[in-house]
PDB file of N, CA and C in Angstrom:
ATOM      1  N   MET A   1     123.795 114.163  68.139  1.00  0.00           N
ATOM      2  CA  MET A   1     124.942 114.977  68.723  1.00  0.00           C
ATOM      3  C   MET A   1     124.423 115.785  69.815  1.00  0.00           C
ATOM      4  N   LEU A   2     125.004 115.780  70.989  1.00  0.00           N
ATOM      5  CA  LEU A   2     124.600 116.621  72.071  1.00  0.00           C
ATOM      6  C   LEU A   2     125.238 117.945  71.994  1.00  0.00           C
ATOM      7  N   THR A   3     124.435 118.931  72.382  1.00  0.00           N
ATOM      8  CA  THR A   3     124.978 120.270  72.408  1.00  0.00           C
ATOM      9  C   THR A   3     125.545 120.532  73.788  1.00  0.00           C
ATOM     10  N   ASP A   4     126.322 121.622  73.944  1.00  0.00           N
ATOM     11  CA  ASP A   4     126.876 121.977  75.261  1.00  0.00           C
ATOM     12  C   ASP A   4     125.750 122.044  76.271  1.00  0.00           C
ATOM     13  N   THR A   5     124.645 122.633  75.879  1.00  0.00           N
ATOM     14  CA  THR A   5     123.461 122.924  76.856  1.00  0.00           C
ATOM     15  C   THR A   5     123.042 121.455  77.332  1.00  0.00           C
ATOM     16  N   ASP A   6     122.887 120.526  76.371  1.00  0.00           N
ATOM     17  CA  ASP A   6     122.371 119.174  76.720  1.00  0.00           C
ATOM     18  C   ASP A   6     123.428 118.512  77.655  1.00  0.00           C
ATOM     19  N   ILE A   7     124.658 118.654  77.425  1.00  0.00           N
ATOM     20  CA  ILE A   7     125.710 118.034  78.377  1.00  0.00           C
ATOM     21  C   ILE A   7     125.614 118.648  79.678  1.00  0.00           C
ATOM     22  N   ASP A   8     125.433 119.987  79.710  1.00  0.00           N
ATOM     23  CA  ASP A   8     125.369 120.614  81.063  1.00  0.00           C
ATOM     24  C   ASP A   8     124.109 120.042  81.847  1.00  0.00           C
ATOM     25  N   ARG A   9     123.024 119.935  81.141  1.00  0.00           N
ATOM     26  CA  ARG A   9     121.802 119.412  81.788  1.00  0.00           C
ATOM     27  C   ARG A   9     121.861 118.002  82.183  1.00  0.00           C
ATOM     28  N   ILE A  10     122.526 117.138  81.427  1.00  0.00           N
ATOM     29  CA  ILE A  10     122.797 115.763  81.780  1.00  0.00           C
ATOM     30  C   ILE A  10     123.622 115.756  83.029  1.00  0.00           C
ATOM     31  N   VAL A  11     124.636 116.564  83.096  1.00  0.00           N
ATOM     32  CA  VAL A  11     125.540 116.544  84.313  1.00  0.00           C
ATOM     33  C   VAL A  11     124.619 117.006  85.597  1.00  0.00           C
ATOM     34  N   GLU A  12     123.806 118.050  85.423  1.00  0.00           N
ATOM     35  CA  GLU A  12     122.948 118.411  86.465  1.00  0.00           C
ATOM     36  C   GLU A  12     122.025 117.269  86.920  1.00  0.00           C
ATOM     37  N   MET A  13     121.417 116.653  85.932  1.00  0.00           N
ATOM     38  CA  MET A  13     120.498 115.612  86.231  1.00  0.00           C
ATOM     39  C   MET A  13     121.263 114.345  86.878  1.00  0.00           C
ATOM     40  N   ALA A  14     122.370 114.043  86.456  1.00  0.00           N
ATOM     41  CA  ALA A  14     123.165 112.947  87.022  1.00  0.00           C
ATOM     42  C   ALA A  14     123.625 113.256  88.407  1.00  0.00           C
ATOM     43  N   TRP A  15     123.896 114.532  88.631  1.00  0.00           N
ATOM     44  CA  TRP A  15     124.392 114.824  89.998  1.00  0.00           C
ATOM     45  C   TRP A  15     123.171 114.798  90.991  1.00  0.00           C
ATOM     46  N   GLU A  16     121.937 115.178  90.581  1.00  0.00           N
ATOM     47  CA  GLU A  16     120.842 115.107  91.396  1.00  0.00           C
ATOM     48  C   GLU A  16     120.503 113.598  91.845  1.00  0.00           C
ATOM     49  N   ASP A  17     120.437 113.430  93.127  1.00  0.00           N
ATOM     50  CA  ASP A  17     120.234 112.053  93.625  1.00  0.00           C
ATOM     51  C   ASP A  17     118.925 111.406  93.224  1.00  0.00           C
ATOM     52  N   ARG A  18     117.898 112.210  93.130  1.00  0.00           N
ATOM     53  CA  ARG A  18     116.622 111.610  92.822  1.00  0.00           C
ATOM     54  C   ARG A  18     116.299 111.404  91.320  1.00  0.00           C
ATOM     55  N   THR A  19     117.074 111.860  90.401  1.00  0.00           N
ATOM     56  CA  THR A  19     116.903 111.740  89.036  1.00  0.00           C
ATOM     57  C   THR A  19     117.479 110.419  88.544  1.00  0.00           C
ATOM     58  N   PRO A  20     116.658 109.490  88.155  1.00  0.00           N
ATOM     59  CA  PRO A  20     117.162 108.093  87.678  1.00  0.00           C
ATOM     60  C   PRO A  20     117.843 108.287  86.279  1.00  0.00           C
ATOM     61  N   PHE A  21     118.705 107.344  86.132  1.00  0.00           N
ATOM     62  CA  PHE A  21     119.312 107.324  84.789  1.00  0.00           C
ATOM     63  C   PHE A  21     118.268 107.082  83.646  1.00  0.00           C
ATOM     64  N   ASP A  22     117.161 106.365  83.999  1.00  0.00           N
ATOM     65  CA  ASP A  22     116.117 106.095  83.064  1.00  0.00           C
ATOM     66  C   ASP A  22     115.549 107.487  82.474  1.00  0.00           C
ATOM     67  N   ALA A  23     115.421 108.404  83.407  1.00  0.00           N
ATOM     68  CA  ALA A  23     114.812 109.737  82.980  1.00  0.00           C
ATOM     69  C   ALA A  23     115.788 110.369  82.024  1.00  0.00           C
ATOM     70  N   ILE A  24     117.095 110.348  82.283  1.00  0.00           N
ATOM     71  CA  ILE A  24     118.080 110.984  81.460  1.00  0.00           C
ATOM     72  C   ILE A  24     118.067 110.281  80.007  1.00  0.00           C
ATOM     73  N   GLU A  25     117.943 108.954  80.026  1.00  0.00           N
ATOM     74  CA  GLU A  25     117.824 108.179  78.845  1.00  0.00           C
ATOM     75  C   GLU A  25     116.570 108.566  78.048  1.00  0.00           C
ATOM     76  N   ARG A  26     115.512 108.683  78.718  1.00  0.00           N
ATOM     77  CA  ARG A  26     114.229 109.095  77.978  1.00  0.00           C
ATOM     78  C   ARG A  26     114.356 110.458  77.432  1.00  0.00           C
ATOM     79  N   GLN A  27     114.931 111.370  78.080  1.00  0.00           N
ATOM     80  CA  GLN A  27     115.030 112.781  77.571  1.00  0.00           C
ATOM     81  C   GLN A  27     116.146 113.062  76.616  1.00  0.00           C
ATOM     82  N   PHE A  28     117.272 112.345  76.793  1.00  0.00           N
ATOM     83  CA  PHE A  28     118.359 112.666  75.885  1.00  0.00           C
ATOM     84  C   PHE A  28     118.760 111.448  74.989  1.00  0.00           C
ATOM     85  N   GLY A  29     118.289 110.327  75.332  1.00  0.00           N
ATOM     86  CA  GLY A  29     118.766 109.079  74.537  1.00  0.00           C
ATOM     87  C   GLY A  29     120.113 108.663  74.914  1.00  0.00           C
ATOM     88  N   VAL A  30     120.514 108.899  76.135  1.00  0.00           N
ATOM     89  CA  VAL A  30     121.939 108.651  76.550  1.00  0.00           C
ATOM     90  C   VAL A  30     121.756 107.532  77.648  1.00  0.00           C
ATOM     91  N   SER A  31     122.469 106.400  77.386  1.00  0.00           N
ATOM     92  CA  SER A  31     122.492 105.303  78.377  1.00  0.00           C
ATOM     93  C   SER A  31     123.208 105.641  79.681  1.00  0.00           C
ATOM     94  N   GLU A  32     123.074 104.783  80.615  1.00  0.00           N
ATOM     95  CA  GLU A  32     123.850 104.941  81.903  1.00  0.00           C
ATOM     96  C   GLU A  32     125.336 104.997  81.671  1.00  0.00           C
ATOM     97  N   ALA A  33     125.791 104.057  80.869  1.00  0.00           N
ATOM     98  CA  ALA A  33     127.185 103.967  80.535  1.00  0.00           C
ATOM     99  C   ALA A  33     127.695 105.309  79.899  1.00  0.00           C
ATOM    100  N   GLU A  34     126.900 105.840  79.049  1.00  0.00           N
ATOM    101  CA  GLU A  34     127.210 107.172  78.405  1.00  0.00           C
ATOM    102  C   GLU A  34     127.253 108.301  79.392  1.00  0.00           C
ATOM    103  N   VAL A  35     126.304 108.318  80.278  1.00  0.00           N
ATOM    104  CA  VAL A  35     126.207 109.295  81.293  1.00  0.00           C
ATOM    105  C   VAL A  35     127.492 109.254  82.160  1.00  0.00           C
ATOM    106  N   ILE A  36     127.954 108.096  82.473  1.00  0.00           N
ATOM    107  CA  ILE A  36     129.156 107.870  83.270  1.00  0.00           C
ATOM    108  C   ILE A  36     130.323 108.412  82.494  1.00  0.00           C
ATOM    109  N   ARG A  37     130.417 108.189  81.167  1.00  0.00           N
ATOM    110  CA  ARG A  37     131.458 108.623  80.345  1.00  0.00           C
ATOM    111  C   ARG A  37     131.452 110.186  80.324  1.00  0.00           C
ATOM    112  N   ILE A  38     130.234 110.783  80.119  1.00  0.00           N
ATOM    113  CA  ILE A  38     130.107 112.214  80.130  1.00  0.00           C
ATOM    114  C   ILE A  38     130.609 112.763  81.466  1.00  0.00           C
ATOM    115  N   MET A  39     130.145 112.227  82.544  1.00  0.00           N
ATOM    116  CA  MET A  39     130.537 112.760  83.877  1.00  0.00           C
ATOM    117  C   MET A  39     131.949 112.636  84.020  1.00  0.00           C
ATOM    118  N   ARG A  40     132.650 111.668  83.554  1.00  0.00           N
ATOM    119  CA  ARG A  40     134.151 111.467  83.679  1.00  0.00           C
ATOM    120  C   ARG A  40     134.825 112.490  82.868  1.00  0.00           C
ATOM    121  N   GLN A  41     134.267 112.871  81.621  1.00  0.00           N
ATOM    122  CA  GLN A  41     134.863 113.838  80.802  1.00  0.00           C
ATOM    123  C   GLN A  41     134.716 115.319  81.374  1.00  0.00           C
ATOM    124  N   GLU A  42     133.622 115.575  81.893  1.00  0.00           N
ATOM    125  CA  GLU A  42     133.112 116.939  82.233  1.00  0.00           C
ATOM    126  C   GLU A  42     133.566 117.325  83.650  1.00  0.00           C
ATOM    127  N   MET A  43     133.886 116.421  84.536  1.00  0.00           N
ATOM    128  CA  MET A  43     134.233 116.661  85.925  1.00  0.00           C
ATOM    129  C   MET A  43     135.682 116.494  86.241  1.00  0.00           C
ATOM    130  N   LYS A  44     136.133 117.289  87.337  1.00  0.00           N
ATOM    131  CA  LYS A  44     137.438 116.973  87.876  1.00  0.00           C
ATOM    132  C   LYS A  44     137.481 115.597  88.350  1.00  0.00           C
ATOM    133  N   ARG A  45     138.615 114.893  88.356  1.00  0.00           N
ATOM    134  CA  ARG A  45     138.741 113.516  88.770  1.00  0.00           C
ATOM    135  C   ARG A  45     138.080 113.318  90.038  1.00  0.00           C
ATOM    136  N   SER A  46     138.554 114.158  91.078  1.00  0.00           N
ATOM    137  CA  SER A  46     138.028 113.960  92.479  1.00  0.00           C
ATOM    138  C   SER A  46     136.475 114.110  92.592  1.00  0.00           C
ATOM    139  N   SER A  47     135.956 115.104  91.864  1.00  0.00           N
ATOM    140  CA  SER A  47     134.505 115.130  91.772  1.00  0.00           C
ATOM    141  C   SER A  47     133.859 114.079  91.163  1.00  0.00           C
ATOM    142  N   PHE A  48     134.386 113.527  90.095  1.00  0.00           N
ATOM    143  CA  PHE A  48     133.807 112.302  89.439  1.00  0.00           C
ATOM    144  C   PHE A  48     133.965 111.141  90.419  1.00  0.00           C
ATOM    145  N   ASN A  49     135.074 110.958  91.061  1.00  0.00           N
ATOM    146  CA  ASN A  49     135.205 109.842  92.002  1.00  0.00           C
ATOM    147  C   ASN A  49     134.166 109.962  93.156  1.00  0.00           C
ATOM    148  N   MET A  50     133.977 111.136  93.662  1.00  0.00           N
ATOM    149  CA  MET A  50     132.910 111.383  94.741  1.00  0.00           C
ATOM    150  C   MET A  50     131.499 111.011  94.193  1.00  0.00           C
ATOM    151  N   TRP A  51     131.187 111.508  93.031  1.00  0.00           N
ATOM    152  CA  TRP A  51     129.877 111.270  92.414  1.00  0.00           C
ATOM    153  C   TRP A  51     129.746 109.800  92.201  1.00  0.00           C
ATOM    154  N   ARG A  52     130.688 109.107  91.652  1.00  0.00           N
ATOM    155  CA  ARG A  52     130.588 107.674  91.350  1.00  0.00           C
ATOM    156  C   ARG A  52     130.401 106.865  92.598  1.00  0.00           C
ATOM    157  N   ALA A  53     131.201 107.222  93.617  1.00  0.00           N
ATOM    158  CA  ALA A  53     131.005 106.472  94.840  1.00  0.00           C
ATOM    159  C   ALA A  53     129.569 106.681  95.462  1.00  0.00           C
ATOM    160  N   ARG A  54     129.005 107.932  95.284  1.00  0.00           N
ATOM    161  CA  ARG A  54     127.679 108.227  95.774  1.00  0.00           C
ATOM    162  C   ARG A  54     126.584 107.529  95.078  1.00  0.00           C
ATOM    163  N   VAL A  55     126.698 107.383  93.728  1.00  0.00           N
ATOM    164  CA  VAL A  55     125.569 106.841  93.002  1.00  0.00           C
ATOM    165  C   VAL A  55     125.671 105.267  92.772  1.00  0.00           C
ATOM    166  N   SER A  56     126.870 104.778  93.060  1.00  0.00           N
ATOM    167  CA  SER A  56     127.027 103.338  92.917  1.00  0.00           C
ATOM    168  C   SER A  56     126.093 102.602  93.822  1.00  0.00           C
ATOM    169  N   GLY A  57     125.231 101.758  93.333  1.00  0.00           N
ATOM    170  CA  GLY A  57     124.305 100.943  94.136  1.00  0.00           C
ATOM    171  C   GLY A  57     123.091 101.808  94.753  1.00  0.00           C
ATOM    172  N   ARG A  58     123.008 103.107  94.387  1.00  0.00           N
ATOM    173  CA  ARG A  58     121.999 104.026  94.978  1.00  0.00           C
ATOM    174  C   ARG A  58     120.622 103.571  94.294  1.00  0.00           C
ATOM    175  N   LYS A  59     119.696 103.204  95.052  1.00  0.00           N
ATOM    176  CA  LYS A  59     118.391 102.736  94.542  1.00  0.00           C
ATOM    177  C   LYS A  59     117.634 103.876  93.800  1.00  0.00           C
ATOM    178  N   THR A  60     117.852 105.101  94.209  1.00  0.00           N
ATOM    179  CA  THR A  60     117.043 106.239  93.580  1.00  0.00           C
ATOM    180  C   THR A  60     117.590 106.543  92.123  1.00  0.00           C
ATOM    181  N   LYS A  61     118.823 106.052  91.792  1.00  0.00           N
ATOM    182  CA  LYS A  61     119.361 106.292  90.521  1.00  0.00           C
ATOM    183  C   LYS A  61     118.905 105.254  89.456  1.00  0.00           C
ATOM    184  N   HIS A  62     118.184 104.200  89.886  1.00  0.00           N
ATOM    185  CA  HIS A  62     117.632 103.163  89.048  1.00  0.00           C
ATOM    186  C   HIS A  62     116.195 103.031  89.250  1.00  0.00           C
ATOM    187  N   GLN A  63     115.481 103.266  88.213  1.00  0.00           N
ATOM    188  CA  GLN A  63     113.934 103.376  88.329  1.00  0.00           C
ATOM    189  C   GLN A  63     113.427 102.059  88.882  1.00  0.00           C
ATOM    190  N   ALA A  64     113.880 100.919  88.413  1.00  0.00           N
ATOM    191  CA  ALA A  64     113.405  99.638  88.777  1.00  0.00           C
ATOM    192  C   ALA A  64     113.623  99.346  90.332  1.00  0.00           C
ATOM    193  N   SER A  65     114.651  99.931  90.867  1.00  0.00           N
ATOM    194  CA  SER A  65     114.930  99.733  92.270  1.00  0.00           C
ATOM    195  C   SER A  65     114.313 100.740  93.216  1.00  0.00           C
ATOM    196  N   ARG A  66     113.717 101.796  92.624  1.00  0.00           N
ATOM    197  CA  ARG A  66     113.123 102.835  93.486  1.00  0.00           C
ATOM    198  C   ARG A  66     111.988 102.422  94.313  1.00  0.00           C
ATOM    199  N   SER A  67     111.857 103.091  95.433  1.00  0.00           N
ATOM    200  CA  SER A  67     110.596 102.899  96.194  1.00  0.00           C
ATOM    201  C   SER A  67     109.477 103.585  95.441  1.00  0.00           C
ATOM    202  N   GLU A  68     108.291 103.018  95.570  1.00  0.00           N
ATOM    203  CA  GLU A  68     107.129 103.578  94.925  1.00  0.00           C
ATOM    204  C   GLU A  68     106.715 104.953  95.608  1.00  0.00           C
ATOM    205  N   GLU A  69     107.257 105.217  96.707  1.00  0.00           N
ATOM    206  CA  GLU A  69     106.889 106.489  97.359  1.00  0.00           C
ATOM    207  C   GLU A  69     107.604 107.684  96.702  1.00  0.00           C
ATOM    208  N   ILE A  70     108.650 107.402  95.952  1.00  0.00           N
ATOM    209  CA  ILE A  70     109.337 108.443  95.193  1.00  0.00           C
ATOM    210  C   ILE A  70     108.737 108.581  93.912  1.00  0.00           C
ATOM    211  N   ASP A  71     107.969 109.635  93.686  1.00  0.00           N
ATOM    212  CA  ASP A  71     107.219 109.752  92.369  1.00  0.00           C
ATOM    213  C   ASP A  71     107.676 111.007  91.536  1.00  0.00           C
ATOM    214  N   ARG A  72     108.826 111.517  91.844  1.00  0.00           N
ATOM    215  CA  ARG A  72     109.259 112.664  91.101  1.00  0.00           C
ATOM    216  C   ARG A  72     110.760 112.459  90.792  1.00  0.00           C
ATOM    217  N   PHE A  73     111.217 113.178  89.757  1.00  0.00           N
ATOM    218  CA  PHE A  73     112.584 113.027  89.261  1.00  0.00           C
ATOM    219  C   PHE A  73     113.533 114.013  89.862  1.00  0.00           C
ATOM    220  N   HIS A  74     113.021 115.037  90.549  1.00  0.00           N
ATOM    221  CA  HIS A  74     113.862 116.114  90.971  1.00  0.00           C
ATOM    222  C   HIS A  74     113.486 116.491  92.365  1.00  0.00           C
ATOM    223  N   CYS A  75     114.394 117.193  93.054  1.00  0.00           N
ATOM    224  CA  CYS A  75     114.153 117.557  94.420  1.00  0.00           C
ATOM    225  C   CYS A  75     112.962 118.568  94.450  1.00  0.00           C
ATOM    226  N   LYS A  76     112.207 118.575  95.496  1.00  0.00           N
ATOM    227  CA  LYS A  76     111.009 119.479  95.548  1.00  0.00           C
ATOM    228  C   LYS A  76     111.472 120.844  95.705  1.00  0.00           C
ATOM    229  N   LEU A  77     112.725 121.122  96.073  1.00  0.00           N
ATOM    230  CA  LEU A  77     113.177 122.521  96.073  1.00  0.00           C
ATOM    231  C   LEU A  77     113.582 123.150  94.829  1.00  0.00           C
ATOM    232  N   GLN A  78     113.799 122.153  93.764  1.00  0.00           N
ATOM    233  CA  GLN A  78     114.253 122.626  92.484  1.00  0.00           C
ATOM    234  C   GLN A  78     113.069 123.248  91.784  1.00  0.00           C
ATOM    235  N   ARG A  79     113.296 124.309  91.115  1.00  0.00           N
ATOM    236  CA  ARG A  79     112.155 125.024  90.442  1.00  0.00           C
ATOM    237  C   ARG A  79     111.826 124.264  89.150  1.00  0.00           C
ATOM    238  N   THR A  80     110.760 124.654  88.484  1.00  0.00           N
ATOM    239  CA  THR A  80     110.259 123.946  87.363  1.00  0.00           C
ATOM    240  C   THR A  80     111.239 124.094  86.260  1.00  0.00           C
ATOM    241  N   ILE A  81     111.393 122.858  85.559  1.00  0.00           N
ATOM    242  CA  ILE A  81     112.310 122.745  84.404  1.00  0.00           C
ATOM    243  C   ILE A  81     111.539 122.929  83.110  1.00  0.00           C
ATOM    244  N   THR A  82     111.954 123.801  82.252  1.00  0.00           N
ATOM    245  CA  THR A  82     111.294 123.936  81.027  1.00  0.00           C
ATOM    246  C   THR A  82     112.335 123.991  79.885  1.00  0.00           C
ATOM    247  N   GLN A  83     112.154 123.171  78.951  1.00  0.00           N
ATOM    248  CA  GLN A  83     112.996 123.008  77.731  1.00  0.00           C
ATOM    249  C   GLN A  83     114.470 122.845  78.198  1.00  0.00           C
ATOM    250  N   ASN A  84     114.785 121.914  79.138  1.00  0.00           N
ATOM    251  CA  ASN A  84     116.094 121.648  79.593  1.00  0.00           C
ATOM    252  C   ASN A  84     116.727 122.803  80.343  1.00  0.00           C
ATOM    253  N   LYS A  85     116.094 123.812  80.820  1.00  0.00           N
ATOM    254  CA  LYS A  85     116.701 124.908  81.492  1.00  0.00           C
ATOM    255  C   LYS A  85     115.978 125.037  82.827  1.00  0.00           C
ATOM    256  N   ILE A  86     116.915 125.256  83.895  1.00  0.00           N
ATOM    257  CA  ILE A  86     116.284 125.405  85.214  1.00  0.00           C
ATOM    258  C   ILE A  86     116.111 126.872  85.366  1.00  0.00           C
ATOM    259  N   SER A  87     114.885 127.291  85.903  1.00  0.00           N
ATOM    260  CA  SER A  87     114.699 128.655  86.152  1.00  0.00           C
ATOM    261  C   SER A  87     115.695 129.173  87.231  1.00  0.00           C
ATOM    262  N   LYS A  88     116.126 130.385  87.002  1.00  0.00           N
ATOM    263  CA  LYS A  88     117.117 130.956  87.996  1.00  0.00           C
ATOM    264  C   LYS A  88     116.397 131.421  89.166  1.00  0.00           C
ATOM    265  N   ARG A  89     117.033 131.318  90.319  1.00  0.00           N
ATOM    266  CA  ARG A  89     116.365 131.728  91.628  1.00  0.00           C
ATOM    267  C   ARG A  89     116.333 133.286  91.755  1.00  0.00           C
TER     268      ARG A  89
END
């Protein structure tokens, strides 16, 4: 069972272009289809549609399709993540 904090973190990770669905699955045990379902539930329809259009076919969201040059899951501007929480700026 996912907590509200877990769901918030999954939404953040899914929204980040560089975070592959594989990383979300490893951390939370949630498949890509489940992430899409969570995003549909948690976001406004227009925001979900915009996100879905952006990530559909995006190579960075699928580990197997990623360039080997991309070796991190998050943007270099994002602060260190500890225990599913992003440090406040």
